[in-house]
Amino acid sequence: VQLVESGGGLVQPGGSLRLSCAASGFSFSSYGTRWYRQAPGKERELVAGITSAGGSTNYADSVKGRFTISRDNAKNTVYLHMNSLKPEDTAVYYCVINNYWGQGTQVTVSS
């Protein structure tokens, strides 16, 4: 099982990023997927989730209306589209599938 995240980086407030999580080694389309984040000195936070077929999503109140989770089961990949980024979105972002965690990707929002 392997989860490889990408797409993080440094962005100015108000900017956008798209995170990707490519999965291999298991039946990706059978499982729901979640994105978590953890900022320095803070508790880990569930950011968004999506069901196995992508028909249902949920979001933390802090990101509703700004972030969108999606998946492409043909590519075994889940995405997190992040718009209107704020400094408080700065964190390491992790994808989680079937209780497996990716290595994380750093997102820094700063001017």
Foldseek 3Di string as FASTA:
>chain_A
DAWAKDWADEAAQQAKIKMKIADDDDQLLQWKKWKWWDDPPDDIGTAKIAGSNRPDMDGDPVQPPFWDWGDDSVRRMIMIIGGRDDQVVFTWMWMAIPNDIHPTDTHGYHD
